[in-house]
Amino acid sequence: MADKKVKPKGRKKKRITPKQNLIKGIFKENPTFVLVLGMCPTLGVTTSLENALGMGLSVVFVLILTNGLIASIRNIVPSEIRIPVYIVVIALVVTLIEWMLNAYLPDLYDALGIYLPLIVVNCIILGRAEAYASDNTVFDSIFDGMGMGLGFTLGLSTLAFTRELLGTGSVELLNITIYEASVAASFLVSPPGAFLTLGLLIGIINTVRLDREKKKKAIMDEKIRVALAKKAAKKKALEAQQNQEPTINLKEVAF
């Protein structure tokens, strides 16, 4: 009989709420701008906002289903074959997505092309299956998948909106036009433009994030300094009081 996955004993891991799971996936551990995962579809399909939303929502659907399925079978799958089993489950869900898009949204299916079946080996999908769904309940795993999927969709949409707007002068899905395509920076919708735009967005986001962390750290340092100062003042007052007590006792003896 195959040995089961042995978990090290120690302090019980604190369970995070569904809201925290969503915030973690969308902002704190955003797959695109923070973890920098799934770069193949990120750079390949973000030539338009419509394609980005199609890919992002497909990944949301896949993450929710695969996380829920893998969490439900985590106790019956031997650890030695868990990765192949995860890939089979993911491939099943992705195939269903392909059939649905091909039947109801053929234009989007053609636009996504090879990137749609490549969701099977997307490191975000397999990573969440191994890192989270295999160790948590179905309920928590579904919200983890939802948060990560929405974070990925947000990243794709932001990148696609920037590239399409600056590269063509308009966003077709939102019916927005700011200037003619003849004067647009058309290289932004090309592969080199994808790398450039992604790098700039990551740089801006990291600058804002690091600045916020720096301010937060400064506030915490100030609170710690004030607390230590109060503690030192209290200790000094206590020592002064203790030094006065022997003098008072000596006066009482003299009387």
Protein backbone atom coordinates (compact mmCIF):
# COMPACT_ATOMS: atom_id res chain seq x y z
CA MET A 1 0.00 0.00 0.00
CA ALA A 2 1.40 3.41 -0.95
CA ASP A 3 2.50 5.67 1.86
CA LYS A 4 0.36 8.69 2.45
CA LYS A 5 1.67 12.22 2.49
CA VAL A 6 3.01 12.82 6.01
CA LYS A 7 2.47 16.32 7.36
CA PRO A 8 4.92 17.64 9.94
CA LYS A 9 3.49 18.19 13.40
CA GLY A 10 3.57 21.66 14.87
CA ARG A 11 1.41 24.66 15.52
CA LYS A 12 -1.97 24.44 13.81
CA LYS A 13 -2.16 26.67 10.73
CA LYS A 14 -4.52 29.60 11.17
CA ARG A 15 -7.51 29.39 8.83
CA ILE A 16 -8.05 32.48 6.74
CA THR A 17 -11.51 33.76 5.88
CA PRO A 18 -13.03 33.75 2.36
CA LYS A 19 -12.63 37.55 2.23
CA GLN A 20 -8.93 37.27 3.10
CA ASN A 21 -8.54 34.59 0.42
CA LEU A 22 -10.04 36.89 -2.20
CA ILE A 23 -7.95 39.90 -1.15
CA LYS A 24 -4.81 37.77 -1.10
CA GLY A 25 -5.33 36.56 -4.66
CA ILE A 26 -6.43 39.89 -6.12
CA PHE A 27 -3.91 42.21 -4.45
CA LYS A 28 -1.36 40.78 -2.01
CA GLU A 29 -0.35 37.77 -4.14
CA ASN A 30 -1.54 38.91 -7.56
CA PRO A 31 -0.32 36.26 -10.03
CA THR A 32 0.63 38.79 -12.72
CA PHE A 33 2.17 41.75 -10.92
CA VAL A 34 3.40 40.23 -7.63
CA LEU A 35 4.12 36.53 -8.24
CA VAL A 36 4.81 37.05 -11.99
CA LEU A 37 3.24 33.70 -12.96
CA GLY A 38 1.50 32.60 -16.15
CA MET A 39 3.55 34.92 -18.35
CA CYS A 40 2.89 32.96 -21.55
CA PRO A 41 -0.83 33.86 -21.87
CA THR A 42 -0.21 37.19 -20.14
CA LEU A 43 2.05 38.36 -22.95
CA GLY A 44 0.29 36.48 -25.74
CA VAL A 45 -3.40 37.36 -25.45
CA THR A 46 -3.32 40.89 -24.06
CA THR A 47 -3.47 42.62 -27.45
CA SER A 48 -7.12 43.48 -26.69
CA LEU A 49 -9.26 43.80 -23.58
CA GLU A 50 -11.81 41.34 -24.98
CA ASN A 51 -9.20 38.57 -25.35
CA ALA A 52 -7.80 39.30 -21.88
CA LEU A 53 -11.20 39.06 -20.23
CA GLY A 54 -11.95 35.84 -22.12
CA MET A 55 -8.70 34.22 -20.98
CA GLY A 56 -9.00 35.58 -17.43
CA LEU A 57 -12.55 34.35 -16.90
CA SER A 58 -11.61 30.97 -18.37
CA VAL A 59 -8.81 30.70 -15.79
CA VAL A 60 -11.24 31.75 -13.02
CA PHE A 61 -13.62 28.95 -14.03
CA VAL A 62 -10.78 26.40 -14.26
CA LEU A 63 -9.29 27.42 -10.90
CA ILE A 64 -12.60 27.23 -9.05
CA LEU A 65 -13.48 23.80 -10.46
CA THR A 66 -10.02 22.24 -10.20
CA ASN A 67 -9.38 23.55 -6.69
CA GLY A 68 -12.75 22.22 -5.54
CA LEU A 69 -12.26 18.82 -7.20
CA ILE A 70 -8.69 18.37 -5.99
CA ALA A 71 -9.60 19.39 -2.44
CA SER A 72 -12.42 16.82 -2.46
CA ILE A 73 -10.10 13.94 -3.49
CA ARG A 74 -6.97 15.01 -1.60
CA ASN A 75 -7.34 12.31 1.05
CA ILE A 76 -7.74 9.40 -1.36
CA VAL A 77 -4.99 10.20 -3.89
CA PRO A 78 -1.58 8.66 -3.04
CA SER A 79 1.12 11.32 -2.75
CA GLU A 80 3.35 9.54 -5.30
CA ILE A 81 0.88 10.10 -8.15
CA ARG A 82 -0.80 13.31 -7.02
CA ILE A 83 0.78 15.55 -9.71
CA PRO A 84 -0.37 13.34 -12.65
CA VAL A 85 -3.83 13.15 -11.09
CA TYR A 86 -3.94 16.94 -10.73
CA ILE A 87 -2.97 17.37 -14.39
CA VAL A 88 -5.70 14.94 -15.51
CA VAL A 89 -8.32 16.85 -13.48
CA ILE A 90 -7.12 20.19 -14.87
CA ALA A 91 -7.08 18.81 -18.44
CA LEU A 92 -10.67 17.59 -18.02
CA VAL A 93 -11.89 21.01 -16.91
CA VAL A 94 -9.92 22.85 -19.62
CA THR A 95 -11.36 20.55 -22.28
CA LEU A 96 -14.87 21.42 -21.10
CA ILE A 97 -13.98 25.12 -21.34
CA GLU A 98 -12.65 24.62 -24.89
CA TRP A 99 -15.85 22.89 -25.99
CA MET A 100 -18.03 25.63 -24.51
CA LEU A 101 -16.04 28.48 -26.07
CA ASN A 102 -15.89 26.72 -29.43
CA ALA A 103 -19.66 26.20 -29.37
CA TYR A 104 -20.84 29.56 -28.04
CA LEU A 105 -17.95 32.03 -28.59
CA PRO A 106 -16.06 30.81 -31.67
CA ASP A 107 -14.42 34.19 -32.34
CA LEU A 108 -12.94 34.29 -28.83
CA TYR A 109 -11.94 30.63 -29.14
CA ASP A 110 -10.00 31.43 -32.34
CA ALA A 111 -8.41 34.54 -30.78
CA LEU A 112 -7.12 32.64 -27.74
CA GLY A 113 -5.70 29.91 -29.97
CA ILE A 114 -3.01 27.70 -28.45
CA TYR A 115 -3.05 29.60 -25.15
CA LEU A 116 -6.39 28.05 -24.20
CA PRO A 117 -5.24 24.38 -24.08
CA LEU A 118 -1.98 25.56 -22.48
CA ILE A 119 -4.00 26.41 -19.35
CA VAL A 120 -3.50 22.73 -18.49
CA VAL A 121 0.18 23.36 -17.71
CA ASN A 122 -0.27 26.92 -16.42
CA CYS A 123 1.84 27.22 -13.29
CA ILE A 124 -0.91 29.17 -11.51
CA ILE A 125 -3.41 26.30 -11.85
CA LEU A 126 -1.01 23.52 -10.90
CA GLY A 127 0.63 25.67 -8.23
CA ARG A 128 -2.64 26.35 -6.40
CA ALA A 129 -3.58 22.68 -6.64
CA GLU A 130 -0.32 21.60 -5.01
CA ALA A 131 0.22 24.50 -2.61
CA TYR A 132 -3.34 25.06 -1.39
CA ALA A 133 -6.11 22.73 -2.58
CA SER A 134 -4.21 19.57 -1.60
CA ASP A 135 -4.09 20.72 2.06
CA ASN A 136 -7.37 22.60 2.57
CA THR A 137 -11.13 22.12 2.52
CA VAL A 138 -13.27 22.36 -0.60
CA PHE A 139 -14.87 25.60 0.61
CA ASP A 140 -11.54 27.36 1.28
CA SER A 141 -10.02 26.01 -1.93
CA ILE A 142 -12.88 27.40 -4.04
CA PHE A 143 -12.37 30.89 -2.62
CA ASP A 144 -8.60 30.58 -3.08
CA GLY A 145 -9.15 29.69 -6.73
CA MET A 146 -11.65 32.52 -7.13
CA GLY A 147 -9.22 35.06 -5.62
CA MET A 148 -6.27 33.92 -7.72
CA GLY A 149 -8.41 33.78 -10.86
CA LEU A 150 -9.80 37.27 -10.35
CA GLY A 151 -6.29 38.55 -9.62
CA PHE A 152 -5.06 37.00 -12.87
CA THR A 153 -8.03 38.50 -14.75
CA LEU A 154 -7.29 41.92 -13.23
CA GLY A 155 -3.65 41.65 -14.31
CA LEU A 156 -4.51 40.60 -17.86
CA SER A 157 -7.20 43.27 -18.19
CA THR A 158 -4.94 46.06 -16.93
CA LEU A 159 -2.16 45.07 -19.30
CA ALA A 160 -4.52 44.60 -22.25
CA PHE A 161 -6.34 47.89 -21.62
CA THR A 162 -3.03 49.78 -21.53
CA ARG A 163 -1.65 48.10 -24.64
CA GLU A 164 -4.83 48.42 -26.69
CA LEU A 165 -5.53 52.02 -25.69
CA LEU A 166 -2.00 53.32 -26.29
CA GLY A 167 -1.25 50.98 -29.18
CA THR A 168 -4.39 51.56 -31.24
CA GLY A 169 -5.84 54.73 -29.74
CA SER A 170 -9.08 53.01 -28.71
CA VAL A 171 -10.59 50.15 -26.69
CA GLU A 172 -13.13 48.38 -28.87
CA LEU A 173 -14.91 46.52 -26.08
CA LEU A 174 -15.60 49.74 -24.14
CA ASN A 175 -16.13 51.85 -27.27
CA ILE A 176 -13.46 54.34 -26.16
CA THR A 177 -11.36 56.35 -28.63
CA ILE A 178 -8.80 58.96 -27.59
CA TYR A 179 -6.88 59.44 -30.86
CA GLU A 180 -6.53 58.05 -34.37
CA ALA A 181 -4.75 54.73 -34.92
CA SER A 182 -2.38 56.43 -37.38
CA VAL A 183 -0.69 58.33 -34.52
CA ALA A 184 -0.87 55.50 -31.95
CA ALA A 185 2.18 53.71 -30.54
CA SER A 186 1.43 50.57 -32.54
CA PHE A 187 4.55 48.74 -31.31
CA LEU A 188 2.80 48.31 -27.93
CA VAL A 189 0.48 45.67 -29.40
CA SER A 190 3.48 43.73 -30.72
CA PRO A 191 5.41 41.13 -28.63
CA PRO A 192 8.19 43.58 -27.64
CA GLY A 193 5.50 46.04 -26.58
CA ALA A 194 4.01 43.39 -24.30
CA PHE A 195 7.31 43.01 -22.41
CA LEU A 196 7.80 46.79 -22.20
CA THR A 197 4.27 47.51 -20.97
CA LEU A 198 4.36 44.67 -18.43
CA GLY A 199 7.72 45.85 -17.08
CA LEU A 200 6.48 49.43 -16.72
CA LEU A 201 3.28 48.35 -14.95
CA ILE A 202 5.16 46.07 -12.56
CA GLY A 203 7.62 48.89 -11.84
CA ILE A 204 4.82 51.36 -11.07
CA ILE A 205 2.92 48.89 -8.89
CA ASN A 206 6.06 47.86 -6.99
CA THR A 207 6.99 51.51 -6.42
CA VAL A 208 3.57 52.24 -4.92
CA ARG A 209 3.59 49.00 -2.90
CA LEU A 210 7.08 49.57 -1.48
CA ASP A 211 6.22 53.19 -0.63
CA ARG A 212 3.14 52.04 1.28
CA GLU A 213 5.14 49.37 3.09
CA LYS A 214 7.80 51.95 3.97
CA LYS A 215 5.18 54.32 5.41
CA LYS A 216 3.53 51.46 7.30
CA LYS A 217 6.91 50.41 8.72
CA ALA A 218 7.64 54.00 9.78
CA ILE A 219 4.31 54.16 11.62
CA MET A 220 4.99 50.86 13.36
CA ASP A 221 8.52 51.97 14.31
CA GLU A 222 7.10 55.18 15.79
CA LYS A 223 4.54 53.22 17.81
CA ILE A 224 7.27 50.90 19.08
CA ARG A 225 9.48 53.90 19.97
CA VAL A 226 6.65 55.55 21.93
CA ALA A 227 5.84 52.29 23.72
CA LEU A 228 9.51 51.76 24.66
CA ALA A 229 9.79 55.37 25.86
CA LYS A 230 6.72 54.94 28.08
CA LYS A 231 8.10 51.67 29.41
CA ALA A 232 11.48 53.28 30.16
CA ALA A 233 9.79 56.25 31.91
CA LYS A 234 7.67 53.91 33.99
CA LYS A 235 10.72 51.86 34.94
CA LYS A 236 12.66 55.01 35.87
CA ALA A 237 9.78 56.27 38.05
CA LEU A 238 9.57 52.87 39.79
CA GLU A 239 13.34 52.89 40.48
CA ALA A 240 13.14 56.44 41.88
CA GLN A 241 10.30 55.40 44.16
CA GLN A 242 12.30 52.38 45.39
CA ASN A 243 15.34 54.61 46.09
CA GLN A 244 13.24 56.96 48.22
CA GLU A 245 11.83 54.19 50.44
CA PRO A 246 15.12 53.43 52.38
CA THR A 247 15.52 57.17 53.18
CA ILE A 248 12.03 57.32 54.61
CA ASN A 249 12.68 54.16 56.70
CA LEU A 250 15.94 55.63 58.12
CA LYS A 251 14.12 58.80 59.23
CA GLU A 252 11.47 56.71 60.97
CA VAL A 253 14.20 54.77 62.88
CA ALA A 254 15.90 58.03 63.94
CA PHE A 255 12.66 59.26 65.52
